[in-house]
Protein backbone atom coordinates (compact mmCIF):
# COMPACT_ATOMS: atom_id res chain seq x y z
CA MET A 1 70.08 106.47 -133.49
CA THR A 2 69.01 109.56 -131.65
CA MET A 3 66.45 108.98 -128.89
CA LEU A 4 63.84 111.51 -127.80
CA GLU A 5 65.46 111.46 -124.29
CA ASP A 6 68.60 112.94 -125.83
CA TRP A 7 66.70 116.13 -126.68
CA LEU A 8 64.90 116.61 -123.44
CA PRO A 9 66.17 119.29 -121.05
CA MET A 10 68.65 118.10 -118.36
CA GLY A 11 67.69 118.30 -114.75
CA PRO A 12 69.28 120.72 -112.30
CA GLY A 13 72.96 120.18 -111.93
CA LEU A 14 73.12 118.00 -115.09
CA GLY A 15 73.69 120.70 -117.64
CA PRO A 16 77.07 122.11 -118.51
CA PRO A 17 78.29 124.84 -116.13
CA LEU A 18 77.87 128.39 -117.32
CA PRO A 19 80.14 131.19 -116.30
CA LYS A 20 78.41 133.48 -113.75
CA PHE A 21 79.60 136.68 -115.58
CA LEU A 22 77.50 135.80 -118.62
CA GLY A 23 74.32 136.16 -116.58
CA ILE A 24 72.82 133.14 -118.31
CA TYR A 25 70.93 130.60 -116.20
CA TRP A 26 69.30 127.31 -117.01
CA PRO A 27 65.47 127.69 -117.23
CA TRP A 28 64.98 125.59 -114.16
CA ALA A 29 67.62 127.38 -112.09
CA LYS A 30 66.46 130.40 -110.14
CA PRO A 31 69.37 132.77 -109.72
CA SER A 32 69.80 133.66 -106.14
CA LEU A 33 70.65 137.17 -104.89
CA ILE A 34 73.52 137.49 -102.42
CA GLY A 35 72.09 139.09 -99.33
CA ASP A 36 68.47 138.10 -100.05
CA LEU A 37 68.03 136.01 -96.85
CA ASN A 38 64.21 135.86 -96.90
CA ASP A 39 64.13 134.81 -100.54
CA ASN A 40 61.73 137.52 -101.72
CA GLY A 41 63.85 138.58 -104.70
CA VAL A 42 65.19 141.89 -103.22
CA VAL A 43 67.80 142.84 -100.67
CA SER A 44 66.18 144.94 -98.02
CA GLN A 45 66.24 146.00 -94.36
CA GLU A 46 64.42 142.73 -93.52
CA ASP A 47 67.42 140.77 -94.83
CA PHE A 48 69.70 142.98 -92.63
CA ASP A 49 67.54 142.14 -89.59
CA ILE A 50 67.62 138.40 -90.40
CA LEU A 51 71.39 138.49 -90.58
CA ARG A 52 71.59 140.40 -87.33
CA GLN A 53 69.36 137.81 -85.70
CA TYR A 54 71.50 134.95 -87.03
CA LEU A 55 74.63 136.62 -85.62
CA MET A 56 72.84 136.83 -82.31
CA GLY A 57 72.41 133.04 -82.26
CA ILE A 58 68.91 132.53 -83.53
CA PRO A 59 68.70 129.34 -85.67
CA ILE A 60 68.30 129.72 -89.40
CA SER A 61 65.11 127.64 -89.46
CA GLU A 62 63.38 130.26 -87.23
CA ILE A 63 64.32 133.32 -89.26
CA SER A 64 64.59 132.30 -92.94
CA PRO A 65 62.77 129.95 -95.40
CA LEU A 66 66.17 129.09 -96.99
CA SER A 67 67.97 125.80 -96.34
CA GLU A 68 70.99 126.19 -94.11
CA GLU A 69 73.42 125.65 -97.05
CA GLU A 70 71.73 128.35 -99.22
CA PHE A 71 71.44 130.73 -96.23
CA ILE A 72 75.15 130.43 -95.52
CA ARG A 73 76.03 131.00 -99.17
CA ARG A 74 73.86 134.13 -99.45
CA ALA A 75 74.82 135.53 -95.99
CA ASP A 76 78.54 135.50 -96.76
CA ILE A 77 78.36 138.94 -98.34
CA ASN A 78 82.07 139.54 -98.48
CA GLU A 79 82.71 135.96 -99.57
CA ASP A 80 85.48 135.24 -97.04
CA GLY A 81 84.02 131.92 -96.00
CA VAL A 82 82.82 133.15 -92.58
CA ILE A 83 79.48 134.74 -91.55
CA ASN A 84 80.29 137.54 -89.15
CA VAL A 85 79.77 141.22 -88.34
CA PHE A 86 81.81 142.13 -91.45
CA ASP A 87 79.05 140.60 -93.59
CA LEU A 88 76.42 142.64 -91.63
CA VAL A 89 78.52 145.84 -92.29
CA ALA A 90 78.86 144.93 -96.04
CA LEU A 91 75.04 144.33 -96.26
CA GLY A 92 74.44 147.66 -94.54
CA ARG A 93 76.67 149.37 -96.99
CA ILE A 94 74.75 147.79 -99.90
CA LEU A 95 71.49 148.98 -98.43
CA ALA A 96 72.92 152.50 -97.94
CA GLY A 97 73.96 152.65 -101.61
CA TYR A 98 77.70 152.33 -101.20
CA ALA A 99 79.24 150.17 -103.93
CA GLY A 100 82.67 149.69 -102.37
């Protein structure tokens, strides 16, 4: 016997994983933009300044509304597992319009 609960949407993290390349997201999941460190939906000079401040030692809680985990994920622009000046350079290149 099928229960109504079987047809209700699953909560975050409970649905089957979807490949990123499809660009499909669960309705409750807000896709995050790599490099968007102030969570305003765009990558801008303000995000560059936030990353620069982080690299200068200012705590995440003082410069960004994101959780530390989400900030680290979005700030690792070159996806090498480390937040450093290379990520700042990569973000600068994105802002300048260089794809590579």
